[in-house]
C-alpha atoms as a PDB file:
ATOM      1  CA  MET A   1     177.351 179.269 251.335  1.00  0.00           C
ATOM      2  CA  ILE A   2     180.562 177.160 251.358  1.00  0.00           C
ATOM      3  CA  TRP A   3     181.488 178.286 247.568  1.00  0.00           C
ATOM      4  CA  LEU A   4     181.125 181.806 248.787  1.00  0.00           C
ATOM      5  CA  ALA A   5     183.536 181.271 251.888  1.00  0.00           C
ATOM      6  CA  ILE A   6     185.912 179.604 249.218  1.00  0.00           C
ATOM      7  CA  LEU A   7     185.877 182.415 246.839  1.00  0.00           C
ATOM      8  CA  ILE A   8     186.335 185.229 249.643  1.00  0.00           C
ATOM      9  CA  SER A   9     189.379 183.213 251.108  1.00  0.00           C
ATOM     10  CA  GLY A  10     190.932 182.756 247.468  1.00  0.00           C
ATOM     11  CA  ILE A  11     190.442 186.505 246.839  1.00  0.00           C
ATOM     12  CA  LEU A  12     191.989 187.486 250.192  1.00  0.00           C
ATOM     13  CA  THR A  13     194.846 185.208 249.834  1.00  0.00           C
ATOM     14  CA  PHE A  14     195.592 186.607 246.487  1.00  0.00           C
ATOM     15  CA  MET A  15     195.308 190.092 247.642  1.00  0.00           C
ATOM     16  CA  MET A  16     197.813 189.550 250.597  1.00  0.00           C
ATOM     17  CA  ARG A  17     200.337 187.764 248.303  1.00  0.00           C
ATOM     18  CA  PHE A  18     199.801 190.276 245.635  1.00  0.00           C
ATOM     19  CA  ALA A  19     200.295 193.267 247.831  1.00  0.00           C
ATOM     20  CA  PHE A  20     203.694 191.887 248.906  1.00  0.00           C
ATOM     21  CA  ILE A  21     204.773 190.919 245.155  1.00  0.00           C
ATOM     22  CA  GLY A  22     203.403 193.796 243.546  1.00  0.00           C
ATOM     23  CA  SER A  23     205.262 196.456 245.933  1.00  0.00           C
ATOM     24  CA  LEU A  24     208.544 194.929 245.138  1.00  0.00           C
ATOM     25  CA  ALA A  25     208.036 194.295 241.401  1.00  0.00           C
ATOM     26  CA  HIS A  26     209.528 197.536 240.415  1.00  0.00           C
ATOM     27  CA  ARG A  27     212.583 197.279 242.738  1.00  0.00           C
ATOM     28  CA  GLN A  28     215.860 195.545 242.394  1.00  0.00           C
ATOM     29  CA  ILE A  29     216.682 192.984 245.431  1.00  0.00           C
ATOM     30  CA  PRO A  30     220.058 193.947 246.766  1.00  0.00           C
ATOM     31  CA  PRO A  31     222.689 191.367 245.984  1.00  0.00           C
ATOM     32  CA  PRO A  32     223.356 190.197 249.660  1.00  0.00           C
ATOM     33  CA  ILE A  33     219.657 189.616 250.160  1.00  0.00           C
ATOM     34  CA  ARG A  34     219.277 187.852 246.782  1.00  0.00           C
ATOM     35  CA  SER A  35     222.358 185.407 247.871  1.00  0.00           C
ATOM     36  CA  MET A  36     220.461 184.645 251.178  1.00  0.00           C
ATOM     37  CA  LEU A  37     217.352 183.889 249.413  1.00  0.00           C
ATOM     38  CA  GLY A  38     219.109 181.082 247.937  1.00  0.00           C
ATOM     39  CA  TYR A  39     219.356 179.106 251.124  1.00  0.00           C
ATOM     40  CA  VAL A  40     215.768 179.570 252.119  1.00  0.00           C
ATOM     41  CA  SER A  41     214.486 176.239 250.303  1.00  0.00           C
ATOM     42  CA  THR A  42     217.313 174.224 251.993  1.00  0.00           C
ATOM     43  CA  ALA A  43     216.562 175.505 255.449  1.00  0.00           C
ATOM     44  CA  VAL A  44     212.773 175.042 254.974  1.00  0.00           C
ATOM     45  CA  LEU A  45     213.208 171.450 253.502  1.00  0.00           C
ATOM     46  CA  THR A  46     215.649 170.595 256.363  1.00  0.00           C
ATOM     47  CA  ALA A  47     213.184 171.674 258.989  1.00  0.00           C
ATOM     48  CA  ILE A  48     210.450 169.678 257.528  1.00  0.00           C
ATOM     49  CA  ILE A  49     212.463 166.535 257.071  1.00  0.00           C
ATOM     50  CA  VAL A  50     214.068 166.539 260.376  1.00  0.00           C
ATOM     51  CA  SER A  51     210.825 167.118 262.327  1.00  0.00           C
ATOM     52  CA  ASP A  52     209.282 164.318 260.341  1.00  0.00           C
ATOM     53  CA  VAL A  53     212.175 161.947 260.934  1.00  0.00           C
ATOM     54  CA  LEU A  54     212.577 162.821 264.740  1.00  0.00           C
ATOM     55  CA  ILE A  55     209.108 163.279 265.878  1.00  0.00           C
ATOM     56  CA  VAL A  56     207.170 159.894 266.520  1.00  0.00           C
ATOM     57  CA  ASP A  57     203.852 160.185 268.161  1.00  0.00           C
ATOM     58  CA  GLU A  58     204.587 163.880 269.206  1.00  0.00           C
ATOM     59  CA  VAL A  59     207.650 162.821 270.977  1.00  0.00           C
ATOM     60  CA  ILE A  60     211.305 163.292 269.717  1.00  0.00           C
ATOM     61  CA  THR A  61     212.343 159.749 269.305  1.00  0.00           C
ATOM     62  CA  PHE A  62     216.296 158.493 268.837  1.00  0.00           C
ATOM     63  CA  SER A  63     215.875 154.970 269.882  1.00  0.00           C
ATOM     64  CA  ASP A  64     213.919 152.437 267.947  1.00  0.00           C
ATOM     65  CA  ASN A  65     213.299 154.946 265.032  1.00  0.00           C
ATOM     66  CA  PRO A  66     213.958 153.178 261.693  1.00  0.00           C
ATOM     67  CA  LYS A  67     213.930 156.788 260.053  1.00  0.00           C
ATOM     68  CA  ILE A  68     217.238 157.909 261.442  1.00  0.00           C
ATOM     69  CA  PRO A  69     219.454 155.073 259.486  1.00  0.00           C
ATOM     70  CA  ALA A  70     217.189 155.433 256.520  1.00  0.00           C
ATOM     71  CA  LEU A  71     217.983 159.039 256.631  1.00  0.00           C
ATOM     72  CA  ILE A  72     221.596 158.455 256.849  1.00  0.00           C
ATOM     73  CA  ILE A  73     221.434 156.084 254.046  1.00  0.00           C
ATOM     74  CA  ALA A  74     219.542 158.448 251.923  1.00  0.00           C
ATOM     75  CA  GLY A  75     222.201 161.160 253.001  1.00  0.00           C
ATOM     76  CA  VAL A  76     225.212 159.111 251.864  1.00  0.00           C
ATOM     77  CA  ALA A  77     223.149 158.136 248.426  1.00  0.00           C
ATOM     78  CA  ALA A  78     222.764 161.824 247.779  1.00  0.00           C
ATOM     79  CA  LEU A  79     226.603 162.528 248.369  1.00  0.00           C
ATOM     80  CA  LEU A  80     227.614 159.672 246.250  1.00  0.00           C
ATOM     81  CA  PHE A  81     225.054 159.910 243.087  1.00  0.00           C
ATOM     82  CA  ARG A  82     223.968 163.699 243.311  1.00  0.00           C
ATOM     83  CA  ASN A  83     220.691 162.466 241.834  1.00  0.00           C
ATOM     84  CA  VAL A  84     217.407 163.311 243.577  1.00  0.00           C
ATOM     85  CA  MET A  85     215.525 160.449 242.164  1.00  0.00           C
ATOM     86  CA  VAL A  86     218.113 158.038 243.082  1.00  0.00           C
ATOM     87  CA  THR A  87     218.227 159.494 246.563  1.00  0.00           C
ATOM     88  CA  ILE A  88     214.654 159.229 247.082  1.00  0.00           C
ATOM     89  CA  VAL A  89     214.433 155.605 245.767  1.00  0.00           C
ATOM     90  CA  ILE A  90     217.323 154.492 247.916  1.00  0.00           C
ATOM     91  CA  GLY A  91     215.934 156.286 251.035  1.00  0.00           C
ATOM     92  CA  LEU A  92     212.466 154.761 250.497  1.00  0.00           C
ATOM     93  CA  VAL A  93     213.752 151.247 250.082  1.00  0.00           C
ATOM     94  CA  ALA A  94     215.958 151.843 253.094  1.00  0.00           C
ATOM     95  CA  LEU A  95     213.130 152.775 255.169  1.00  0.00           C
ATOM     96  CA  TRP A  96     210.752 149.971 253.854  1.00  0.00           C
ATOM     97  CA  CYS A  97     213.363 147.482 254.912  1.00  0.00           C
ATOM     98  CA  LEU A  98     214.109 148.858 258.081  1.00  0.00           C
ATOM     99  CA  ASN A  99     210.445 149.005 258.922  1.00  0.00           C
ATOM    100  CA  HIS A 100     209.808 145.644 257.394  1.00  0.00           C
ATOM    101  CA  TYR A 101     212.723 143.676 259.035  1.00  0.00           C
ATOM    102  CA  PHE A 102     213.436 145.313 262.262  1.00  0.00           C
END
């Protein structure tokens, strides 16, 4: 029974996504919309990161939150090195040090 539910869910999900994509497949996306789509990933990732950093135990927390300085350190590393892996490593090391020592 569970496999039937999984199969039906997969088919319905595919149909909903394909209906949108299939209807736009033969059309050109206007240039203003195409340029705006470039900002979608940045906006989504920013929302995910900010909510993860600021919300601790379902409360927005600014004090005694080691994630905020780690985020700032990672942001500075991103501006200096322009390398995603270096930014992630520096941010994680900063978060680990702040959690461990403070």
